[in-house]
C-alpha cells in the first residue's frame, strides 16, 4: 500500500523518512521529485492544479522532457507494486503541486509532518539556506506576483526581510498542506510531539499505515534523539535542540515578524504564537 510523507523544509522529514524506512516492511524514497529532477527544482512554488494532470505527459510542462516522464512512469509503477511492502515517498518541495500529485501519483495514506514555524525559520536562517539553491526570495516573488489576491500581491514590499521571506514561504506552503490534509484525511504529526513521545507517535504513524511499530524503530528512536551530530541534513538531533534551539537564536523582533505572518496556520496546528 503506497503512502506519501509531506512536509516543509527543515521540519524533520529526513528523520521521519529514516524512521519509517528502518521498518523491515517499509521502503521510502527520499524526495524523488525535488531532489532528483531538475525541472521540479526550477518550477518550485509554481502552482500545478489537479486539472493540469495529463495522462500522456503528466503535465504540459513535461511535454518535451522525455527522460523525466520515463522516470515518473517508473516511479508510479514502483509505488503501485503489490509486493507485501509499504512503499512511500517523502517530499518537501511539492506543496504548490499537491492536487496534481494526488492525481498523478495517488496514494491511500498521507502523513503531513509539521514543526513550530519559529524553529523552521531559525533553522533555515542559521544556515542561510534561503539563499542557497532553495532561492526562497526569487521563488516567493514569482508566486506573489501571479497570485489572484491583490492583498497578497501587495506584500511584495516585505521581500527585503530574510525573516519575513522564510516565514512567508512556510505560511504559503503550510496553508496548502493543511487544506490538503483535510481533503485527504491525512495524519498530521508534529515533530515536537514525535521527539517528546517517540514510541507512542511512531506507533500511531505505523497504525495509520496499516502496520505495527518494529523493535528496530524503537532502537533508532533511542539513538537519534540523545545527541546532535552530523551535517545540515542529519537525522541525529537532541530533543532540546529540536524543540527549543530557536528560543536562543531568534531575537524578539524576529519572533514578532514571524508571528504576524504565520499565526493563523500555527494556531490551527496547536502552536501558541
C-alpha atoms as a PDB file:
ATOM      1  CA  UNK A   1       0.000   0.000   0.000  1.00  0.00           C
ATOM      2  CA  UNK A   2       1.537   3.294  -1.089  1.00  0.00           C
ATOM      3  CA  UNK A   3       1.870   6.370   1.111  1.00  0.00           C
ATOM      4  CA  UNK A   4       3.308   9.867   0.923  1.00  0.00           C
ATOM      5  CA  UNK A   5       5.093  11.905   3.598  1.00  0.00           C
ATOM      6  CA  UNK A   6       4.804  15.651   3.041  1.00  0.00           C
ATOM      7  CA  UNK A   7       6.480  18.477   4.932  1.00  0.00           C
ATOM      8  CA  UNK A   8       8.017  21.898   4.592  1.00  0.00           C
ATOM      9  CA  UNK A   9      11.802  22.097   4.558  1.00  0.00           C
ATOM     10  CA  UNK A  10      13.667  21.944   7.910  1.00  0.00           C
ATOM     11  CA  UNK A  11      10.799  20.109   9.604  1.00  0.00           C
ATOM     12  CA  UNK A  12      12.481  16.791  10.374  1.00  0.00           C
ATOM     13  CA  UNK A  13      11.365  14.944   7.252  1.00  0.00           C
ATOM     14  CA  UNK A  14      14.719  13.152   6.821  1.00  0.00           C
ATOM     15  CA  UNK A  15      14.376  11.874  10.377  1.00  0.00           C
ATOM     16  CA  UNK A  16      10.824  10.624   9.803  1.00  0.00           C
ATOM     17  CA  UNK A  17      11.676   9.040   6.451  1.00  0.00           C
ATOM     18  CA  UNK A  18      14.571   7.151   8.037  1.00  0.00           C
ATOM     19  CA  UNK A  19      12.391   6.153  10.980  1.00  0.00           C
ATOM     20  CA  UNK A  20       9.823   4.638   8.624  1.00  0.00           C
ATOM     21  CA  UNK A  21      12.418   3.088   6.313  1.00  0.00           C
ATOM     22  CA  UNK A  22      14.053   1.173   9.179  1.00  0.00           C
ATOM     23  CA  UNK A  23      10.906  -0.930   9.482  1.00  0.00           C
ATOM     24  CA  UNK A  24      11.579  -4.225   7.646  1.00  0.00           C
ATOM     25  CA  UNK A  25       8.313  -3.969   5.697  1.00  0.00           C
ATOM     26  CA  UNK A  26       8.641  -0.334   4.627  1.00  0.00           C
ATOM     27  CA  UNK A  27      10.603   1.431   1.914  1.00  0.00           C
ATOM     28  CA  UNK A  28      10.644   5.201   1.406  1.00  0.00           C
ATOM     29  CA  UNK A  29      12.177   7.170  -1.463  1.00  0.00           C
ATOM     30  CA  UNK A  30      13.687  10.477  -0.423  1.00  0.00           C
ATOM     31  CA  UNK A  31      12.358  13.424  -2.489  1.00  0.00           C
ATOM     32  CA  UNK A  32      12.319  11.767  -5.924  1.00  0.00           C
ATOM     33  CA  UNK A  33      10.862  14.939  -7.450  1.00  0.00           C
ATOM     34  CA  UNK A  34      12.625  17.899  -5.850  1.00  0.00           C
ATOM     35  CA  UNK A  35      15.994  16.234  -5.284  1.00  0.00           C
ATOM     36  CA  UNK A  36      16.357  14.172  -8.441  1.00  0.00           C
ATOM     37  CA  UNK A  37      14.531  16.050 -11.196  1.00  0.00           C
ATOM     38  CA  UNK A  38      15.887  19.444 -12.233  1.00  0.00           C
ATOM     39  CA  UNK A  39      12.606  20.680 -13.636  1.00  0.00           C
ATOM     40  CA  UNK A  40      10.873  20.381 -10.265  1.00  0.00           C
ATOM     41  CA  UNK A  41      13.612  22.440  -8.636  1.00  0.00           C
ATOM     42  CA  UNK A  42      13.283  25.079 -11.341  1.00  0.00           C
ATOM     43  CA  UNK A  43       9.491  25.211 -11.016  1.00  0.00           C
ATOM     44  CA  UNK A  44       9.320  25.096  -7.222  1.00  0.00           C
ATOM     45  CA  UNK A  45       6.439  27.273  -5.900  1.00  0.00           C
ATOM     46  CA  UNK A  46       4.740  27.219  -9.306  1.00  0.00           C
ATOM     47  CA  UNK A  47       1.179  26.001  -8.780  1.00  0.00           C
ATOM     48  CA  UNK A  48       0.039  22.847 -10.596  1.00  0.00           C
ATOM     49  CA  UNK A  49      -3.638  22.007 -10.170  1.00  0.00           C
ATOM     50  CA  UNK A  50      -5.482  18.703 -10.458  1.00  0.00           C
ATOM     51  CA  UNK A  51      -6.799  19.828 -13.829  1.00  0.00           C
ATOM     52  CA  UNK A  52      -3.200  20.229 -15.043  1.00  0.00           C
ATOM     53  CA  UNK A  53      -2.599  16.471 -14.842  1.00  0.00           C
ATOM     54  CA  UNK A  54      -2.086  14.990 -18.312  1.00  0.00           C
ATOM     55  CA  UNK A  55      -2.373  11.222 -18.808  1.00  0.00           C
ATOM     56  CA  UNK A  56       0.207  11.257 -21.593  1.00  0.00           C
ATOM     57  CA  UNK A  57       2.739  13.799 -20.346  1.00  0.00           C
ATOM     58  CA  UNK A  58       1.908  14.035 -16.607  1.00  0.00           C
ATOM     59  CA  UNK A  59       1.897  17.832 -17.132  1.00  0.00           C
ATOM     60  CA  UNK A  60       2.196  20.098 -20.158  1.00  0.00           C
ATOM     61  CA  UNK A  61       5.471  21.454 -18.748  1.00  0.00           C
ATOM     62  CA  UNK A  62       6.921  17.948 -19.203  1.00  0.00           C
ATOM     63  CA  UNK A  63       5.857  17.574 -22.840  1.00  0.00           C
ATOM     64  CA  UNK A  64       9.470  17.830 -24.070  1.00  0.00           C
ATOM     65  CA  UNK A  65      11.067  16.175 -21.031  1.00  0.00           C
ATOM     66  CA  UNK A  66      11.155  12.537 -22.158  1.00  0.00           C
ATOM     67  CA  UNK A  67      13.641  11.294 -19.547  1.00  0.00           C
ATOM     68  CA  UNK A  68      11.703  12.972 -16.752  1.00  0.00           C
ATOM     69  CA  UNK A  69       8.463  11.361 -17.917  1.00  0.00           C
ATOM     70  CA  UNK A  70      10.154   7.968 -18.108  1.00  0.00           C
ATOM     71  CA  UNK A  71      11.414   8.409 -14.545  1.00  0.00           C
ATOM     72  CA  UNK A  72       7.958   9.411 -13.329  1.00  0.00           C
ATOM     73  CA  UNK A  73       6.415   6.425 -15.080  1.00  0.00           C
ATOM     74  CA  UNK A  74       8.861   4.086 -13.357  1.00  0.00           C
ATOM     75  CA  UNK A  75       8.196   5.800 -10.028  1.00  0.00           C
ATOM     76  CA  UNK A  76       4.449   5.323 -10.368  1.00  0.00           C
ATOM     77  CA  UNK A  77       4.949   1.684 -11.334  1.00  0.00           C
ATOM     78  CA  UNK A  78       7.138   1.179  -8.245  1.00  0.00           C
ATOM     79  CA  UNK A  79       4.580   2.798  -5.947  1.00  0.00           C
ATOM     80  CA  UNK A  80       1.776   0.561  -7.207  1.00  0.00           C
ATOM     81  CA  UNK A  81       3.659  -2.729  -6.845  1.00  0.00           C
ATOM     82  CA  UNK A  82       1.954  -5.420  -4.813  1.00  0.00           C
ATOM     83  CA  UNK A  83       4.967  -6.991  -3.102  1.00  0.00           C
ATOM     84  CA  UNK A  84       3.918  -7.062   0.544  1.00  0.00           C
ATOM     85  CA  UNK A  85       5.831  -3.872   1.364  1.00  0.00           C
ATOM     86  CA  UNK A  86       4.586  -0.464   2.366  1.00  0.00           C
ATOM     87  CA  UNK A  87       6.083   1.773  -0.317  1.00  0.00           C
ATOM     88  CA  UNK A  88       6.233   5.521   0.022  1.00  0.00           C
ATOM     89  CA  UNK A  89       7.827   8.773  -0.988  1.00  0.00           C
ATOM     90  CA  UNK A  90       8.892  11.766   1.106  1.00  0.00           C
ATOM     91  CA  UNK A  91       8.706  15.246  -0.393  1.00  0.00           C
ATOM     92  CA  UNK A  92       9.252  18.813   0.833  1.00  0.00           C
ATOM     93  CA  UNK A  93       9.152  20.737  -2.441  1.00  0.00           C
ATOM     94  CA  UNK A  94       5.742  19.898  -3.934  1.00  0.00           C
ATOM     95  CA  UNK A  95       3.379  21.857  -1.718  1.00  0.00           C
ATOM     96  CA  UNK A  96       2.169  24.006  -4.618  1.00  0.00           C
ATOM     97  CA  UNK A  97       1.529  20.854  -6.675  1.00  0.00           C
ATOM     98  CA  UNK A  98      -0.357  18.711  -4.165  1.00  0.00           C
ATOM     99  CA  UNK A  99      -3.590  18.349  -6.121  1.00  0.00           C
ATOM    100  CA  UNK A 100      -1.618  17.479  -9.260  1.00  0.00           C
ATOM    101  CA  UNK A 101       0.392  14.977  -7.207  1.00  0.00           C
ATOM    102  CA  UNK A 102      -2.793  13.375  -5.904  1.00  0.00           C
ATOM    103  CA  UNK A 103      -3.932  12.748  -9.482  1.00  0.00           C
ATOM    104  CA  UNK A 104      -0.610  11.725 -10.992  1.00  0.00           C
ATOM    105  CA  UNK A 105       0.568   9.603  -8.044  1.00  0.00           C
ATOM    106  CA  UNK A 106      -2.483   8.660  -5.995  1.00  0.00           C
ATOM    107  CA  UNK A 107      -1.651   7.055  -2.675  1.00  0.00           C
ATOM    108  CA  UNK A 108      -4.061   5.951   0.023  1.00  0.00           C
ATOM    109  CA  UNK A 109      -2.332   7.491   3.018  1.00  0.00           C
ATOM    110  CA  UNK A 110      -0.664  10.837   3.600  1.00  0.00           C
ATOM    111  CA  UNK A 111       1.428  11.811   6.608  1.00  0.00           C
ATOM    112  CA  UNK A 112       1.849  15.587   6.983  1.00  0.00           C
ATOM    113  CA  UNK A 113       4.855  16.408   9.174  1.00  0.00           C
ATOM    114  CA  UNK A 114       4.854  19.860  10.757  1.00  0.00           C
ATOM    115  CA  UNK A 115       7.134  21.812  13.063  1.00  0.00           C
ATOM    116  CA  UNK A 116       6.886  25.038  15.036  1.00  0.00           C
ATOM    117  CA  UNK A 117       7.356  27.727  12.362  1.00  0.00           C
ATOM    118  CA  UNK A 118       9.749  29.664  14.596  1.00  0.00           C
ATOM    119  CA  UNK A 119      12.012  26.610  14.723  1.00  0.00           C
ATOM    120  CA  UNK A 120      11.752  26.193  10.953  1.00  0.00           C
ATOM    121  CA  UNK A 121      12.593  29.840  10.261  1.00  0.00           C
ATOM    122  CA  UNK A 122      15.553  29.757  12.627  1.00  0.00           C
ATOM    123  CA  UNK A 123      16.867  26.509  11.137  1.00  0.00           C
ATOM    124  CA  UNK A 124      16.733  27.970   7.627  1.00  0.00           C
ATOM    125  CA  UNK A 125      18.297  31.299   8.602  1.00  0.00           C
ATOM    126  CA  UNK A 126      21.160  29.945  10.697  1.00  0.00           C
ATOM    127  CA  UNK A 127      22.419  28.031   7.653  1.00  0.00           C
ATOM    128  CA  UNK A 128      21.448  30.719   5.093  1.00  0.00           C
ATOM    129  CA  UNK A 129      19.518  28.064   3.199  1.00  0.00           C
ATOM    130  CA  UNK A 130      17.056  30.657   1.935  1.00  0.00           C
ATOM    131  CA  UNK A 131      19.863  31.987  -0.278  1.00  0.00           C
ATOM    132  CA  UNK A 132      21.149  28.627  -1.464  1.00  0.00           C
ATOM    133  CA  UNK A 133      19.631  26.505  -4.211  1.00  0.00           C
ATOM    134  CA  UNK A 134      16.229  26.872  -2.492  1.00  0.00           C
ATOM    135  CA  UNK A 135      16.190  30.525  -3.666  1.00  0.00           C
ATOM    136  CA  UNK A 136      13.272  31.486  -1.437  1.00  0.00           C
ATOM    137  CA  UNK A 137      13.209  35.174  -2.321  1.00  0.00           C
ATOM    138  CA  UNK A 138      13.010  34.852  -6.103  1.00  0.00           C
ATOM    139  CA  UNK A 139      10.557  31.944  -5.945  1.00  0.00           C
ATOM    140  CA  UNK A 140       8.313  33.684  -3.443  1.00  0.00           C
ATOM    141  CA  UNK A 141       8.406  36.867  -5.533  1.00  0.00           C
ATOM    142  CA  UNK A 142       7.164  34.962  -8.585  1.00  0.00           C
ATOM    143  CA  UNK A 143       4.459  33.280  -6.503  1.00  0.00           C
ATOM    144  CA  UNK A 144       3.195  36.570  -5.083  1.00  0.00           C
ATOM    145  CA  UNK A 145       3.275  38.382  -8.428  1.00  0.00           C
ATOM    146  CA  UNK A 146       0.902  35.922 -10.091  1.00  0.00           C
ATOM    147  CA  UNK A 147      -1.417  35.407  -7.115  1.00  0.00           C
ATOM    148  CA  UNK A 148      -5.116  36.117  -7.606  1.00  0.00           C
ATOM    149  CA  UNK A 149      -5.417  38.007  -4.307  1.00  0.00           C
ATOM    150  CA  UNK A 150      -4.410  41.672  -4.589  1.00  0.00           C
ATOM    151  CA  UNK A 151      -3.757  41.852  -0.829  1.00  0.00           C
ATOM    152  CA  UNK A 152      -1.181  39.094  -1.179  1.00  0.00           C
ATOM    153  CA  UNK A 153       0.433  40.776  -4.177  1.00  0.00           C
ATOM    154  CA  UNK A 154       0.731  43.913  -2.064  1.00  0.00           C
ATOM    155  CA  UNK A 155       3.036  42.057   0.331  1.00  0.00           C
ATOM    156  CA  UNK A 156       5.903  42.265  -2.159  1.00  0.00           C
ATOM    157  CA  UNK A 157       7.420  45.201  -0.277  1.00  0.00           C
ATOM    158  CA  UNK A 158       8.392  42.805   2.550  1.00  0.00           C
ATOM    159  CA  UNK A 159      10.804  40.821   0.356  1.00  0.00           C
ATOM    160  CA  UNK A 160      13.823  42.719   1.702  1.00  0.00           C
ATOM    161  CA  UNK A 161      13.477  40.945   5.055  1.00  0.00           C
ATOM    162  CA  UNK A 162      15.013  37.451   5.251  1.00  0.00           C
ATOM    163  CA  UNK A 163      12.916  36.639   8.317  1.00  0.00           C
ATOM    164  CA  UNK A 164       9.692  37.666   6.570  1.00  0.00           C
ATOM    165  CA  UNK A 165      10.606  35.762   3.395  1.00  0.00           C
ATOM    166  CA  UNK A 166      11.277  32.482   5.202  1.00  0.00           C
ATOM    167  CA  UNK A 167       8.187  32.860   7.400  1.00  0.00           C
ATOM    168  CA  UNK A 168       6.036  33.660   4.358  1.00  0.00           C
ATOM    169  CA  UNK A 169       7.292  30.618   2.449  1.00  0.00           C
ATOM    170  CA  UNK A 170       6.341  28.472   5.461  1.00  0.00           C
ATOM    171  CA  UNK A 171       2.896  30.120   5.673  1.00  0.00           C
ATOM    172  CA  UNK A 172       2.158  29.700   1.961  1.00  0.00           C
ATOM    173  CA  UNK A 173       3.178  26.065   1.996  1.00  0.00           C
ATOM    174  CA  UNK A 174       1.541  25.209   5.306  1.00  0.00           C
ATOM    175  CA  UNK A 175      -1.792  26.692   4.190  1.00  0.00           C
ATOM    176  CA  UNK A 176      -1.759  24.311   1.246  1.00  0.00           C
ATOM    177  CA  UNK A 177      -0.659  21.354   3.376  1.00  0.00           C
ATOM    178  CA  UNK A 178      -3.370  21.922   5.985  1.00  0.00           C
ATOM    179  CA  UNK A 179      -6.096  22.235   3.356  1.00  0.00           C
ATOM    180  CA  UNK A 180      -4.804  19.141   1.549  1.00  0.00           C
ATOM    181  CA  UNK A 181      -4.697  17.206   4.827  1.00  0.00           C
ATOM    182  CA  UNK A 182      -8.373  17.935   5.474  1.00  0.00           C
ATOM    183  CA  UNK A 183      -9.393  16.852   1.975  1.00  0.00           C
ATOM    184  CA  UNK A 184      -7.359  13.644   2.083  1.00  0.00           C
ATOM    185  CA  UNK A 185      -7.946  12.585   5.687  1.00  0.00           C
ATOM    186  CA  UNK A 186      -4.186  12.805   6.237  1.00  0.00           C
ATOM    187  CA  UNK A 187      -2.415  12.174   9.518  1.00  0.00           C
ATOM    188  CA  UNK A 188      -0.794  15.371  10.804  1.00  0.00           C
ATOM    189  CA  UNK A 189       2.254  14.734  13.006  1.00  0.00           C
ATOM    190  CA  UNK A 190       4.031  17.478  14.926  1.00  0.00           C
ATOM    191  CA  UNK A 191       7.786  16.964  15.164  1.00  0.00           C
ATOM    192  CA  UNK A 192       7.760  18.209  18.753  1.00  0.00           C
ATOM    193  CA  UNK A 193       5.247  15.521  19.740  1.00  0.00           C
ATOM    194  CA  UNK A 194       7.352  12.893  17.998  1.00  0.00           C
ATOM    195  CA  UNK A 195      10.516  13.734  19.939  1.00  0.00           C
ATOM    196  CA  UNK A 196       8.619  14.123  23.217  1.00  0.00           C
ATOM    197  CA  UNK A 197       6.721  10.811  22.876  1.00  0.00           C
ATOM    198  CA  UNK A 198       8.671   8.963  20.199  1.00  0.00           C
ATOM    199  CA  UNK A 199       7.360   5.439  20.666  1.00  0.00           C
ATOM    200  CA  UNK A 200       3.711   6.461  21.004  1.00  0.00           C
ATOM    201  CA  UNK A 201       3.734   8.758  17.962  1.00  0.00           C
ATOM    202  CA  UNK A 202       5.674   6.266  15.841  1.00  0.00           C
ATOM    203  CA  UNK A 203       3.184   3.549  16.789  1.00  0.00           C
ATOM    204  CA  UNK A 204       0.389   5.908  15.732  1.00  0.00           C
ATOM    205  CA  UNK A 205       2.032   6.533  12.357  1.00  0.00           C
ATOM    206  CA  UNK A 206       2.562   2.840  11.742  1.00  0.00           C
ATOM    207  CA  UNK A 207      -1.026   2.029  12.705  1.00  0.00           C
ATOM    208  CA  UNK A 208      -2.207   4.680  10.256  1.00  0.00           C
ATOM    209  CA  UNK A 209      -0.148   2.965   7.546  1.00  0.00           C
ATOM    210  CA  UNK A 210      -1.560  -0.441   8.480  1.00  0.00           C
ATOM    211  CA  UNK A 211       1.410  -1.896  10.362  1.00  0.00           C
ATOM    212  CA  UNK A 212       2.880  -2.095  13.852  1.00  0.00           C
ATOM    213  CA  UNK A 213       5.937  -0.413  15.287  1.00  0.00           C
ATOM    214  CA  UNK A 214       9.070  -2.575  14.996  1.00  0.00           C
ATOM    215  CA  UNK A 215      11.868  -3.034  17.513  1.00  0.00           C
ATOM    216  CA  UNK A 216      14.364  -1.609  15.008  1.00  0.00           C
ATOM    217  CA  UNK A 217      12.402   1.641  15.026  1.00  0.00           C
ATOM    218  CA  UNK A 218      12.430   1.779  18.801  1.00  0.00           C
ATOM    219  CA  UNK A 219      16.221   1.352  18.809  1.00  0.00           C
ATOM    220  CA  UNK A 220      16.593   4.104  16.213  1.00  0.00           C
ATOM    221  CA  UNK A 221      14.451   6.430  18.307  1.00  0.00           C
ATOM    222  CA  UNK A 222      16.616   5.782  21.351  1.00  0.00           C
ATOM    223  CA  UNK A 223      19.812   6.575  19.452  1.00  0.00           C
ATOM    224  CA  UNK A 224      18.720   9.516  17.315  1.00  0.00           C
ATOM    225  CA  UNK A 225      17.303  11.907  19.908  1.00  0.00           C
ATOM    226  CA  UNK A 226      20.051  11.755  22.549  1.00  0.00           C
ATOM    227  CA  UNK A 227      22.716  13.789  20.735  1.00  0.00           C
ATOM    228  CA  UNK A 228      23.108  16.204  17.841  1.00  0.00           C
ATOM    229  CA  UNK A 229      25.732  15.260  15.309  1.00  0.00           C
ATOM    230  CA  UNK A 230      26.238  15.106  11.587  1.00  0.00           C
ATOM    231  CA  UNK A 231      25.661  17.776   8.964  1.00  0.00           C
ATOM    232  CA  UNK A 232      22.810  20.006   7.914  1.00  0.00           C
ATOM    233  CA  UNK A 233      20.543  17.118   6.933  1.00  0.00           C
ATOM    234  CA  UNK A 234      21.472  14.722   9.739  1.00  0.00           C
ATOM    235  CA  UNK A 235      18.805  12.621  11.423  1.00  0.00           C
ATOM    236  CA  UNK A 236      20.636  12.845  14.774  1.00  0.00           C
ATOM    237  CA  UNK A 237      19.259  15.708  16.891  1.00  0.00           C
ATOM    238  CA  UNK A 238      18.925  16.154  20.649  1.00  0.00           C
ATOM    239  CA  UNK A 239      15.337  16.619  21.749  1.00  0.00           C
ATOM    240  CA  UNK A 240      16.102  20.015  23.284  1.00  0.00           C
ATOM    241  CA  UNK A 241      17.710  21.230  20.047  1.00  0.00           C
ATOM    242  CA  UNK A 242      14.625  20.238  18.063  1.00  0.00           C
ATOM    243  CA  UNK A 243      12.192  21.881  20.464  1.00  0.00           C
ATOM    244  CA  UNK A 244      13.998  24.872  21.942  1.00  0.00           C
ATOM    245  CA  UNK A 245      17.071  25.932  19.964  1.00  0.00           C
ATOM    246  CA  UNK A 246      15.127  28.665  18.168  1.00  0.00           C
ATOM    247  CA  UNK A 247      14.411  30.367  21.501  1.00  0.00           C
ATOM    248  CA  UNK A 248      18.121  31.081  21.937  1.00  0.00           C
ATOM    249  CA  UNK A 249      18.689  32.099  18.333  1.00  0.00           C
ATOM    250  CA  UNK A 250      15.816  34.394  17.337  1.00  0.00           C
ATOM    251  CA  UNK A 251      15.529  37.981  18.527  1.00  0.00           C
ATOM    252  CA  UNK A 252      12.223  39.359  19.827  1.00  0.00           C
ATOM    253  CA  UNK A 253      11.785  41.494  16.675  1.00  0.00           C
ATOM    254  CA  UNK A 254      12.310  38.337  14.580  1.00  0.00           C
ATOM    255  CA  UNK A 255       9.690  36.476  16.604  1.00  0.00           C
ATOM    256  CA  UNK A 256       7.246  39.364  16.185  1.00  0.00           C
ATOM    257  CA  UNK A 257       7.683  39.329  12.398  1.00  0.00           C
ATOM    258  CA  UNK A 258       7.201  35.566  12.260  1.00  0.00           C
ATOM    259  CA  UNK A 259       4.079  35.699  14.435  1.00  0.00           C
ATOM    260  CA  UNK A 260       2.483  38.321  12.198  1.00  0.00           C
ATOM    261  CA  UNK A 261       2.915  36.062   9.170  1.00  0.00           C
ATOM    262  CA  UNK A 262       2.149  32.560  10.492  1.00  0.00           C
ATOM    263  CA  UNK A 263      -0.298  32.987  13.374  1.00  0.00           C
ATOM    264  CA  UNK A 264      -3.345  31.524  11.613  1.00  0.00           C
ATOM    265  CA  UNK A 265      -1.709  28.332  10.356  1.00  0.00           C
ATOM    266  CA  UNK A 266       0.373  27.889  13.520  1.00  0.00           C
ATOM    267  CA  UNK A 267      -2.752  28.160  15.652  1.00  0.00           C
ATOM    268  CA  UNK A 268      -4.554  25.524  13.579  1.00  0.00           C
ATOM    269  CA  UNK A 269      -1.635  23.178  14.297  1.00  0.00           C
ATOM    270  CA  UNK A 270      -1.732  23.858  18.037  1.00  0.00           C
ATOM    271  CA  UNK A 271       1.286  26.169  18.289  1.00  0.00           C
ATOM    272  CA  UNK A 272       0.847  29.202  20.544  1.00  0.00           C
ATOM    273  CA  UNK A 273       2.467  32.051  18.647  1.00  0.00           C
END
